Amino acid sequence: MSAKRIDGTAVAASVRETVAAAVSQLPGQPALAVVLVGEDPASQVYVRSKVRLTEEAGMVSVHHQLPASATQAEVEDLIARLNADPSIDGILLQLPLPKGLDEHSAIECIDPDKDVDGLTEVSAGRLTLGKPGLRPCTPTGCVILAKSAMGGDLSGKHVVVIGRSILVGKPAALLFLAENCTVTIAHSRTADLPAVCRTADILVPAVGRPNMVKAGWIKPGATIVDVGINRIPAPEKGEGKTRLVGDADFADCETVAAHITPVPGGVGPMTIACLLRNTVLAACARRGWAVPEGL
């Protein structure tokens, strides 16, 4: 058996097309504000990509950059102004923040109705209670990818999420539970982790340990949605070169699984696509617009 690759780039493009079609039906343009503090090169790349894709979807992109020397008060004052601005539908605080700044405090300043990353305590509470709200982007992307591979209906599937982080592990478990899956959250203290993983119809590694999951951990025919993005040495590319790998050993696991996401090109592209989707949903909820069909 050789697993079918789940093309996250193609699925993300489809989600963005759906978002653009939805935006074209709205009576106004949703607006996403991105806040970048400092000059971290990777963050700058991510922000440029988010700005470009927001505009390509027909939405308004507002970019605020503060220097690395910005104080906690300056960051939180900017967020407060964006909260109060009726033209802004979504607020994204680009992480990580420079050392010395409190990320949690800054995130909690974001109006939950504009929290398009789904990271505030109110957003987490709404997810836990099954109430309407904005869901975290990466876990949402995991569910969409699993549904794209398995035909849409995940009812009754056993999902094992490896990792219990508040960013991915816990919300992913809740989102799969909302799809009528049976969910197990595994972690570093789980007894006989490989045996637990072998019970999964859908395995979601999200721990940040390169190539940790091996073929022997996989039930034949399972679907692997790999959240891990790890940079490892790649001497075959030249001295000092690196490459990206997931938490699952792709070459090993694809001999057993039915479907598997590659790294890169799997879950990663879905995060921005789901961010754009959340911006439209936030705009509709705030402005009283009907959510376009298909979104």
C-alpha atoms as a PDB file:
ATOM      1  CA  MET A   1       0.000   0.000   0.000  1.00  0.00           C
ATOM      2  CA  SER A   2       1.097   3.537  -0.721  1.00  0.00           C
ATOM      3  CA  ALA A   3      -0.934   6.284   0.916  1.00  0.00           C
ATOM      4  CA  LYS A   4      -2.671   8.935  -1.145  1.00  0.00           C
ATOM      5  CA  ARG A   5      -1.251  12.347  -0.382  1.00  0.00           C
ATOM      6  CA  ILE A   6      -3.742  14.878   0.943  1.00  0.00           C
ATOM      7  CA  ASP A   7      -2.879  17.998  -1.042  1.00  0.00           C
ATOM      8  CA  GLY A   8      -3.265  20.779   1.508  1.00  0.00           C
ATOM      9  CA  THR A   9      -2.208  23.393  -1.020  1.00  0.00           C
ATOM     10  CA  ALA A  10      -5.051  22.417  -3.376  1.00  0.00           C
ATOM     11  CA  VAL A  11      -7.644  22.138  -0.588  1.00  0.00           C
ATOM     12  CA  ALA A  12      -6.568  25.527   0.802  1.00  0.00           C
ATOM     13  CA  ALA A  13      -6.906  27.078  -2.663  1.00  0.00           C
ATOM     14  CA  SER A  14     -10.443  25.680  -2.850  1.00  0.00           C
ATOM     15  CA  VAL A  15     -11.290  27.177   0.570  1.00  0.00           C
ATOM     16  CA  ARG A  16      -9.917  30.562  -0.541  1.00  0.00           C
ATOM     17  CA  GLU A  17     -12.003  30.387  -3.725  1.00  0.00           C
ATOM     18  CA  THR A  18     -15.084  29.703  -1.620  1.00  0.00           C
ATOM     19  CA  VAL A  19     -14.207  32.663   0.599  1.00  0.00           C
ATOM     20  CA  ALA A  20     -13.745  34.965  -2.413  1.00  0.00           C
ATOM     21  CA  ALA A  21     -17.088  33.840  -3.838  1.00  0.00           C
ATOM     22  CA  ALA A  22     -18.730  34.508  -0.477  1.00  0.00           C
ATOM     23  CA  VAL A  23     -17.173  37.973  -0.238  1.00  0.00           C
ATOM     24  CA  SER A  24     -18.531  38.851  -3.686  1.00  0.00           C
ATOM     25  CA  GLN A  25     -22.063  38.188  -2.413  1.00  0.00           C
ATOM     26  CA  LEU A  26     -21.787  40.422   0.655  1.00  0.00           C
ATOM     27  CA  PRO A  27     -23.111  43.994   0.835  1.00  0.00           C
ATOM     28  CA  GLY A  28     -19.681  45.236   1.978  1.00  0.00           C
ATOM     29  CA  GLN A  29     -16.029  44.244   2.299  1.00  0.00           C
ATOM     30  CA  PRO A  30     -14.842  42.459   5.439  1.00  0.00           C
ATOM     31  CA  ALA A  31     -11.622  43.915   6.863  1.00  0.00           C
ATOM     32  CA  LEU A  32      -8.753  42.071   8.554  1.00  0.00           C
ATOM     33  CA  ALA A  33      -6.206  43.954  10.657  1.00  0.00           C
ATOM     34  CA  VAL A  34      -2.819  42.288  11.185  1.00  0.00           C
ATOM     35  CA  VAL A  35      -0.563  43.504  13.994  1.00  0.00           C
ATOM     36  CA  LEU A  36       3.150  42.759  13.710  1.00  0.00           C
ATOM     37  CA  VAL A  37       5.514  43.693  16.537  1.00  0.00           C
ATOM     38  CA  GLY A  38       9.218  43.698  15.729  1.00  0.00           C
ATOM     39  CA  GLU A  39      11.099  42.584  12.645  1.00  0.00           C
ATOM     40  CA  ASP A  40      11.266  38.794  12.883  1.00  0.00           C
ATOM     41  CA  PRO A  41      11.973  37.697   9.276  1.00  0.00           C
ATOM     42  CA  ALA A  42       9.675  34.655   9.378  1.00  0.00           C
ATOM     43  CA  SER A  43       6.835  36.711  10.810  1.00  0.00           C
ATOM     44  CA  GLN A  44       7.312  39.342   8.125  1.00  0.00           C
ATOM     45  CA  VAL A  45       6.993  36.655   5.434  1.00  0.00           C
ATOM     46  CA  TYR A  46       3.823  35.284   7.041  1.00  0.00           C
ATOM     47  CA  VAL A  47       2.294  38.749   7.324  1.00  0.00           C
ATOM     48  CA  ARG A  48       3.036  39.629   3.682  1.00  0.00           C
ATOM     49  CA  SER A  49       1.380  36.377   2.620  1.00  0.00           C
ATOM     50  CA  LYS A  50      -1.681  37.077   4.785  1.00  0.00           C
ATOM     51  CA  VAL A  51      -2.005  40.608   3.426  1.00  0.00           C
ATOM     52  CA  ARG A  52      -1.753  39.395  -0.181  1.00  0.00           C
ATOM     53  CA  LEU A  53      -4.240  36.552   0.208  1.00  0.00           C
ATOM     54  CA  THR A  54      -6.700  38.758   2.117  1.00  0.00           C
ATOM     55  CA  GLU A  55      -6.723  41.237  -0.760  1.00  0.00           C
ATOM     56  CA  GLU A  56      -6.941  38.461  -3.367  1.00  0.00           C
ATOM     57  CA  ALA A  57     -10.115  37.245  -1.630  1.00  0.00           C
ATOM     58  CA  GLY A  58     -11.652  40.679  -2.091  1.00  0.00           C
ATOM     59  CA  MET A  59     -11.294  41.827   1.497  1.00  0.00           C
ATOM     60  CA  VAL A  60      -9.655  44.887   3.019  1.00  0.00           C
ATOM     61  CA  SER A  61      -6.256  44.279   4.603  1.00  0.00           C
ATOM     62  CA  VAL A  62      -4.977  46.663   7.275  1.00  0.00           C
ATOM     63  CA  HIS A  63      -1.376  46.186   8.406  1.00  0.00           C
ATOM     64  CA  HIS A  64      -0.001  47.714  11.612  1.00  0.00           C
ATOM     65  CA  GLN A  65       3.687  47.309  12.499  1.00  0.00           C
ATOM     66  CA  LEU A  66       5.168  48.292  15.829  1.00  0.00           C
ATOM     67  CA  PRO A  67       8.900  48.319  16.612  1.00  0.00           C
ATOM     68  CA  ALA A  68      10.484  45.571  18.671  1.00  0.00           C
ATOM     69  CA  SER A  69      10.927  48.181  21.403  1.00  0.00           C
ATOM     70  CA  ALA A  70       7.136  48.618  21.728  1.00  0.00           C
ATOM     71  CA  THR A  71       5.834  48.312  25.274  1.00  0.00           C
ATOM     72  CA  GLN A  72       3.036  46.055  26.445  1.00  0.00           C
ATOM     73  CA  ALA A  73       0.831  49.118  26.834  1.00  0.00           C
ATOM     74  CA  GLU A  74       1.507  50.252  23.262  1.00  0.00           C
ATOM     75  CA  VAL A  75       0.594  46.840  21.853  1.00  0.00           C
ATOM     76  CA  GLU A  76      -2.561  46.593  23.921  1.00  0.00           C
ATOM     77  CA  ASP A  77      -3.571  50.197  23.160  1.00  0.00           C
ATOM     78  CA  LEU A  78      -3.370  49.433  19.429  1.00  0.00           C
ATOM     79  CA  ILE A  79      -5.530  46.349  19.897  1.00  0.00           C
ATOM     80  CA  ALA A  80      -8.038  48.428  21.885  1.00  0.00           C
ATOM     81  CA  ARG A  81      -8.260  50.938  19.018  1.00  0.00           C
ATOM     82  CA  LEU A  82      -8.874  48.126  16.532  1.00  0.00           C
ATOM     83  CA  ASN A  83     -11.540  46.683  18.830  1.00  0.00           C
ATOM     84  CA  ALA A  84     -13.313  50.038  18.805  1.00  0.00           C
ATOM     85  CA  ASP A  85     -12.989  50.568  15.035  1.00  0.00           C
ATOM     86  CA  PRO A  86     -16.311  49.537  13.446  1.00  0.00           C
ATOM     87  CA  SER A  87     -14.649  49.084  10.044  1.00  0.00           C
ATOM     88  CA  ILE A  88     -12.420  46.242  11.342  1.00  0.00           C
ATOM     89  CA  ASP A  89     -13.956  42.758  11.447  1.00  0.00           C
ATOM     90  CA  GLY A  90     -10.957  40.635  12.391  1.00  0.00           C
ATOM     91  CA  ILE A  91      -7.782  41.201  14.405  1.00  0.00           C
ATOM     92  CA  LEU A  92      -4.732  38.975  14.064  1.00  0.00           C
ATOM     93  CA  LEU A  93      -1.779  39.428  16.427  1.00  0.00           C
ATOM     94  CA  GLN A  94       1.225  37.847  14.717  1.00  0.00           C
ATOM     95  CA  LEU A  95       3.084  35.542  17.088  1.00  0.00           C
ATOM     96  CA  PRO A  96       5.609  35.172  18.574  1.00  0.00           C
ATOM     97  CA  LEU A  97       5.951  38.593  20.159  1.00  0.00           C
ATOM     98  CA  PRO A  98       9.423  39.958  21.005  1.00  0.00           C
ATOM     99  CA  LYS A  99      10.904  38.858  24.310  1.00  0.00           C
ATOM    100  CA  GLY A 100       9.615  40.797  27.264  1.00  0.00           C
ATOM    101  CA  LEU A 101       6.048  41.071  25.990  1.00  0.00           C
ATOM    102  CA  ASP A 102       3.196  39.017  27.440  1.00  0.00           C
ATOM    103  CA  GLU A 103       1.483  37.209  24.556  1.00  0.00           C
ATOM    104  CA  HIS A 104      -1.367  35.882  26.672  1.00  0.00           C
ATOM    105  CA  SER A 105      -2.235  39.312  28.038  1.00  0.00           C
ATOM    106  CA  ALA A 106      -2.170  40.838  24.557  1.00  0.00           C
ATOM    107  CA  ILE A 107      -4.347  38.091  23.072  1.00  0.00           C
ATOM    108  CA  GLU A 108      -6.896  38.524  25.855  1.00  0.00           C
ATOM    109  CA  CYS A 109      -7.256  42.184  24.841  1.00  0.00           C
ATOM    110  CA  ILE A 110      -8.729  41.144  21.462  1.00  0.00           C
ATOM    111  CA  ASP A 111     -12.512  41.440  21.173  1.00  0.00           C
ATOM    112  CA  PRO A 112     -13.692  37.781  20.962  1.00  0.00           C
ATOM    113  CA  ASP A 113     -16.029  38.735  18.110  1.00  0.00           C
ATOM    114  CA  LYS A 114     -12.950  39.857  16.140  1.00  0.00           C
ATOM    115  CA  ASP A 115     -10.703  37.014  17.339  1.00  0.00           C
ATOM    116  CA  VAL A 116     -10.139  35.396  13.938  1.00  0.00           C
ATOM    117  CA  ASP A 117      -7.348  33.205  15.359  1.00  0.00           C
ATOM    118  CA  GLY A 118      -9.783  31.777  17.913  1.00  0.00           C
ATOM    119  CA  LEU A 119      -7.248  32.097  20.734  1.00  0.00           C
ATOM    120  CA  THR A 120      -9.003  34.128  23.440  1.00  0.00           C
ATOM    121  CA  GLU A 121     -10.443  32.491  26.530  1.00  0.00           C
ATOM    122  CA  VAL A 122     -13.950  33.447  25.397  1.00  0.00           C
ATOM    123  CA  SER A 123     -13.392  31.768  22.014  1.00  0.00           C
ATOM    124  CA  ALA A 124     -12.098  28.644  23.781  1.00  0.00           C
ATOM    125  CA  GLY A 125     -15.144  28.657  26.060  1.00  0.00           C
ATOM    126  CA  ARG A 126     -17.530  28.978  23.137  1.00  0.00           C
ATOM    127  CA  LEU A 127     -15.843  26.040  21.423  1.00  0.00           C
ATOM    128  CA  THR A 128     -15.985  23.907  24.569  1.00  0.00           C
ATOM    129  CA  LEU A 129     -19.673  24.692  25.101  1.00  0.00           C
ATOM    130  CA  GLY A 130     -20.549  24.194  21.442  1.00  0.00           C
ATOM    131  CA  LYS A 131     -21.722  27.786  21.120  1.00  0.00           C
ATOM    132  CA  PRO A 132     -21.305  29.838  17.930  1.00  0.00           C
ATOM    133  CA  GLY A 133     -17.940  31.511  17.655  1.00  0.00           C
ATOM    134  CA  LEU A 134     -14.641  31.720  15.805  1.00  0.00           C
ATOM    135  CA  ARG A 135     -12.648  28.487  15.830  1.00  0.00           C
ATOM    136  CA  PRO A 136      -8.819  28.164  15.817  1.00  0.00           C
ATOM    137  CA  CYS A 137      -7.527  28.059  12.249  1.00  0.00           C
ATOM    138  CA  THR A 138      -5.057  25.170  12.257  1.00  0.00           C
ATOM    139  CA  PRO A 139      -7.394  22.659  13.977  1.00  0.00           C
ATOM    140  CA  THR A 140     -10.226  23.720  11.663  1.00  0.00           C
ATOM    141  CA  GLY A 141      -7.927  23.057   8.726  1.00  0.00           C
ATOM    142  CA  CYS A 142      -7.199  19.567  10.093  1.00  0.00           C
ATOM    143  CA  VAL A 143     -10.899  18.706  10.105  1.00  0.00           C
ATOM    144  CA  ILE A 144     -11.381  20.046   6.574  1.00  0.00           C
ATOM    145  CA  LEU A 145      -8.434  17.983   5.299  1.00  0.00           C
ATOM    146  CA  ALA A 146      -9.706  14.816   6.981  1.00  0.00           C
ATOM    147  CA  LYS A 147     -13.154  15.340   5.460  1.00  0.00           C
ATOM    148  CA  SER A 148     -11.643  15.985   2.021  1.00  0.00           C
ATOM    149  CA  ALA A 149      -9.824  12.650   2.187  1.00  0.00           C
ATOM    150  CA  MET A 150     -12.582  10.546   3.738  1.00  0.00           C
ATOM    151  CA  GLY A 151     -15.664  11.712   1.907  1.00  0.00           C
ATOM    152  CA  GLY A 152     -17.054  14.353   4.226  1.00  0.00           C
ATOM    153  CA  ASP A 153     -18.807  12.330   6.933  1.00  0.00           C
ATOM    154  CA  LEU A 154     -16.503  11.522   9.852  1.00  0.00           C
ATOM    155  CA  SER A 155     -19.237  10.149  12.133  1.00  0.00           C
ATOM    156  CA  GLY A 156     -18.077   7.227  14.234  1.00  0.00           C
ATOM    157  CA  LYS A 157     -14.404   7.542  13.286  1.00  0.00           C
ATOM    158  CA  HIS A 158     -11.870   7.174  16.083  1.00  0.00           C
ATOM    159  CA  VAL A 159      -9.519  10.156  16.169  1.00  0.00           C
ATOM    160  CA  VAL A 160      -6.303  10.113  18.178  1.00  0.00           C
ATOM    161  CA  VAL A 161      -4.755  13.551  18.679  1.00  0.00           C
ATOM    162  CA  ILE A 162      -1.161  13.404  19.906  1.00  0.00           C
ATOM    163  CA  GLY A 163      -0.651  16.617  21.850  1.00  0.00           C
ATOM    164  CA  ARG A 164      -2.698  18.611  24.334  1.00  0.00           C
ATOM    165  CA  SER A 165      -1.706  22.192  23.522  1.00  0.00           C
ATOM    166  CA  ILE A 166      -4.263  24.975  23.731  1.00  0.00           C
ATOM    167  CA  LEU A 167      -3.309  26.037  20.194  1.00  0.00           C
ATOM    168  CA  VAL A 168      -3.899  22.740  18.379  1.00  0.00           C
ATOM    169  CA  GLY A 169      -4.336  19.586  20.448  1.00  0.00           C
ATOM    170  CA  LYS A 170      -7.310  20.489  22.653  1.00  0.00           C
ATOM    171  CA  PRO A 171      -9.281  22.480  20.044  1.00  0.00           C
ATOM    172  CA  ALA A 172      -8.661  19.805  17.400  1.00  0.00           C
ATOM    173  CA  ALA A 173     -10.120  17.195  19.751  1.00  0.00           C
ATOM    174  CA  LEU A 174     -13.223  19.313  20.327  1.00  0.00           C
ATOM    175  CA  LEU A 175     -13.690  20.050  16.627  1.00  0.00           C
ATOM    176  CA  PHE A 176     -13.490  16.368  15.705  1.00  0.00           C
ATOM    177  CA  LEU A 177     -15.897  15.606  18.551  1.00  0.00           C
ATOM    178  CA  ALA A 178     -18.314  18.073  16.964  1.00  0.00           C
ATOM    179  CA  GLU A 179     -18.110  15.927  13.804  1.00  0.00           C
ATOM    180  CA  ASN A 180     -19.430  12.963  15.840  1.00  0.00           C
ATOM    181  CA  CYS A 181     -16.031  11.311  16.105  1.00  0.00           C
ATOM    182  CA  THR A 182     -14.815   9.369  19.121  1.00  0.00           C
ATOM    183  CA  VAL A 183     -11.728  11.223  20.301  1.00  0.00           C
ATOM    184  CA  THR A 184      -8.678  10.266  22.333  1.00  0.00           C
ATOM    185  CA  ILE A 185      -6.129  12.874  23.382  1.00  0.00           C
ATOM    186  CA  ALA A 186      -2.709  11.259  23.782  1.00  0.00           C
ATOM    187  CA  HIS A 187       0.474  12.910  25.034  1.00  0.00           C
ATOM    188  CA  SER A 188       3.958  12.324  26.393  1.00  0.00           C
ATOM    189  CA  ARG A 189       2.657  10.553  29.514  1.00  0.00           C
ATOM    190  CA  THR A 190       0.300   8.219  27.617  1.00  0.00           C
ATOM    191  CA  ALA A 191       1.058   4.576  28.402  1.00  0.00           C
ATOM    192  CA  ASP A 192       2.072   2.611  25.273  1.00  0.00           C
ATOM    193  CA  LEU A 193       1.534   5.522  22.909  1.00  0.00           C
ATOM    194  CA  PRO A 194       2.137   3.431  19.750  1.00  0.00           C
ATOM    195  CA  ALA A 195      -0.646   1.024  20.755  1.00  0.00           C
ATOM    196  CA  VAL A 196      -3.059   3.910  21.333  1.00  0.00           C
ATOM    197  CA  CYS A 197      -2.184   5.372  17.934  1.00  0.00           C
ATOM    198  CA  ARG A 198      -2.852   2.026  16.245  1.00  0.00           C
ATOM    199  CA  THR A 199      -6.520   2.334  17.269  1.00  0.00           C
ATOM    200  CA  ALA A 200      -6.966   5.534  15.241  1.00  0.00           C
ATOM    201  CA  ASP A 201      -8.939   5.852  12.039  1.00  0.00           C
ATOM    202  CA  ILE A 202      -7.590   9.415  11.944  1.00  0.00           C
ATOM    203  CA  LEU A 203      -4.258  10.223  13.596  1.00  0.00           C
ATOM    204  CA  VAL A 204      -3.348  13.866  14.260  1.00  0.00           C
ATOM    205  CA  PRO A 205       0.257  14.234  15.485  1.00  0.00           C
ATOM    206  CA  ALA A 206       0.795  17.720  16.935  1.00  0.00           C
ATOM    207  CA  VAL A 207       3.792  17.600  19.263  1.00  0.00           C
ATOM    208  CA  GLY A 208       6.726  19.115  17.365  1.00  0.00           C
ATOM    209  CA  ARG A 209       8.958  16.017  17.383  1.00  0.00           C
ATOM    210  CA  PRO A 210      10.373  15.272  13.929  1.00  0.00           C
ATOM    211  CA  ASN A 211       9.549  11.871  12.421  1.00  0.00           C
ATOM    212  CA  MET A 212       8.325  10.539  15.772  1.00  0.00           C
ATOM    213  CA  VAL A 213       5.384   8.529  14.405  1.00  0.00           C
ATOM    214  CA  LYS A 214       6.477   5.367  12.587  1.00  0.00           C
ATOM    215  CA  ALA A 215       4.658   2.873  10.388  1.00  0.00           C
ATOM    216  CA  GLY A 216       4.281   0.501  13.340  1.00  0.00           C
ATOM    217  CA  TRP A 217       2.110   3.128  15.054  1.00  0.00           C
ATOM    218  CA  ILE A 218      -0.433   3.222  12.230  1.00  0.00           C
ATOM    219  CA  LYS A 219      -3.539   1.105  11.720  1.00  0.00           C
ATOM    220  CA  PRO A 220      -3.567  -0.077   8.086  1.00  0.00           C
ATOM    221  CA  GLY A 221      -5.811   2.218   6.073  1.00  0.00           C
ATOM    222  CA  ALA A 222      -5.785   5.088   8.584  1.00  0.00           C
ATOM    223  CA  THR A 223      -5.658   8.773   7.674  1.00  0.00           C
ATOM    224  CA  ILE A 224      -2.772  10.873   9.034  1.00  0.00           C
ATOM    225  CA  VAL A 225      -3.189  14.638   9.362  1.00  0.00           C
ATOM    226  CA  ASP A 226       0.285  15.783  10.389  1.00  0.00           C
ATOM    227  CA  VAL A 227       0.385  19.150  12.172  1.00  0.00           C
ATOM    228  CA  GLY A 228       4.105  19.001  12.940  1.00  0.00           C
ATOM    229  CA  ILE A 229       6.456  21.404  11.166  1.00  0.00           C
ATOM    230  CA  ASN A 230      10.046  20.676  12.155  1.00  0.00           C
ATOM    231  CA  ARG A 231      13.296  21.844  10.609  1.00  0.00           C
ATOM    232  CA  ILE A 232      16.075  19.243  10.567  1.00  0.00           C
ATOM    233  CA  PRO A 233      19.584  19.151   9.082  1.00  0.00           C
ATOM    234  CA  ALA A 234      19.764  18.229   5.379  1.00  0.00           C
ATOM    235  CA  PRO A 235      23.454  17.596   4.615  1.00  0.00           C
ATOM    236  CA  GLU A 236      22.444  16.137   1.245  1.00  0.00           C
ATOM    237  CA  LYS A 237      21.521  19.701   0.225  1.00  0.00           C
ATOM    238  CA  GLY A 238      24.864  21.102   1.291  1.00  0.00           C
ATOM    239  CA  GLU A 239      26.637  22.197   4.440  1.00  0.00           C
ATOM    240  CA  GLY A 240      24.363  23.935   6.914  1.00  0.00           C
ATOM    241  CA  LYS A 241      21.210  23.268   4.858  1.00  0.00           C
ATOM    242  CA  THR A 242      17.920  22.154   6.430  1.00  0.00           C
ATOM    243  CA  ARG A 243      14.562  20.748   5.376  1.00  0.00           C
ATOM    244  CA  LEU A 244      11.058  20.562   6.833  1.00  0.00           C
ATOM    245  CA  VAL A 245       9.517  17.349   8.117  1.00  0.00           C
ATOM    246  CA  GLY A 246       6.411  16.507  10.091  1.00  0.00           C
ATOM    247  CA  ASP A 247       5.852  14.620  13.317  1.00  0.00           C
ATOM    248  CA  ALA A 248       5.112  11.511  11.242  1.00  0.00           C
ATOM    249  CA  ASP A 249       7.881   9.766   9.325  1.00  0.00           C
ATOM    250  CA  PHE A 250       6.277  10.296   5.919  1.00  0.00           C
ATOM    251  CA  ALA A 251       8.197   7.686   3.916  1.00  0.00           C
ATOM    252  CA  ASP A 252       7.615   5.060   6.583  1.00  0.00           C
ATOM    253  CA  CYS A 253       3.976   5.846   7.360  1.00  0.00           C
ATOM    254  CA  GLU A 254       2.780   6.131   3.773  1.00  0.00           C
ATOM    255  CA  THR A 255       3.410   2.390   3.349  1.00  0.00           C
ATOM    256  CA  VAL A 256       0.613   1.684   5.851  1.00  0.00           C
ATOM    257  CA  ALA A 257      -1.791   4.642   5.824  1.00  0.00           C
ATOM    258  CA  ALA A 258      -4.535   5.235   3.252  1.00  0.00           C
ATOM    259  CA  HIS A 259      -4.186   9.032   3.304  1.00  0.00           C
ATOM    260  CA  ILE A 260      -1.444  11.300   4.661  1.00  0.00           C
ATOM    261  CA  THR A 261      -0.628  14.998   4.577  1.00  0.00           C
ATOM    262  CA  PRO A 262       2.872  15.933   3.418  1.00  0.00           C
ATOM    263  CA  VAL A 263       5.084  18.456   5.188  1.00  0.00           C
ATOM    264  CA  PRO A 264       5.307  21.021   3.753  1.00  0.00           C
ATOM    265  CA  GLY A 265       2.146  21.315   1.679  1.00  0.00           C
ATOM    266  CA  GLY A 266      -0.329  19.737   4.079  1.00  0.00           C
ATOM    267  CA  VAL A 267      -1.838  21.446   7.109  1.00  0.00           C
ATOM    268  CA  GLY A 268       0.255  24.634   6.755  1.00  0.00           C
ATOM    269  CA  PRO A 269      -1.588  26.221   3.797  1.00  0.00           C
ATOM    270  CA  MET A 270      -4.925  25.563   5.517  1.00  0.00           C
ATOM    271  CA  THR A 271      -4.161  27.918   8.393  1.00  0.00           C
ATOM    272  CA  ILE A 272      -4.291  31.097   6.309  1.00  0.00           C
ATOM    273  CA  ALA A 273      -7.273  29.809   4.295  1.00  0.00           C
ATOM    274  CA  CYS A 274      -9.223  29.245   7.520  1.00  0.00           C
ATOM    275  CA  LEU A 275      -8.133  32.667   8.788  1.00  0.00           C
ATOM    276  CA  LEU A 276      -9.756  34.268   5.732  1.00  0.00           C
ATOM    277  CA  ARG A 277     -12.876  32.171   6.257  1.00  0.00           C
ATOM    278  CA  ASN A 278     -13.044  33.289   9.889  1.00  0.00           C
ATOM    279  CA  THR A 279     -12.791  36.926   8.815  1.00  0.00           C
ATOM    280  CA  VAL A 280     -15.876  36.560   6.635  1.00  0.00           C
ATOM    281  CA  LEU A 281     -17.757  34.738   9.399  1.00  0.00           C
ATOM    282  CA  ALA A 282     -16.786  37.473  11.887  1.00  0.00           C
ATOM    283  CA  ALA A 283     -17.962  40.190   9.501  1.00  0.00           C
ATOM    284  CA  CYS A 284     -21.305  38.463   8.956  1.00  0.00           C
ATOM    285  CA  ALA A 285     -21.876  37.984  12.691  1.00  0.00           C
ATOM    286  CA  ARG A 286     -20.882  41.570  13.570  1.00  0.00           C
ATOM    287  CA  ARG A 287     -22.737  43.297  10.737  1.00  0.00           C
ATOM    288  CA  GLY A 288     -25.851  41.149  10.670  1.00  0.00           C
ATOM    289  CA  TRP A 289     -25.156  39.802   7.188  1.00  0.00           C
ATOM    290  CA  ALA A 290     -26.409  36.386   6.135  1.00  0.00           C
ATOM    291  CA  VAL A 291     -23.587  33.867   5.848  1.00  0.00           C
ATOM    292  CA  PRO A 292     -23.251  32.979   2.147  1.00  0.00           C
ATOM    293  CA  GLU A 293     -24.147  29.395   1.294  1.00  0.00           C
ATOM    294  CA  GLY A 294     -21.181  27.040   1.102  1.00  0.00           C
ATOM    295  CA  LEU A 295     -19.054  28.892   3.644  1.00  0.00           C
END
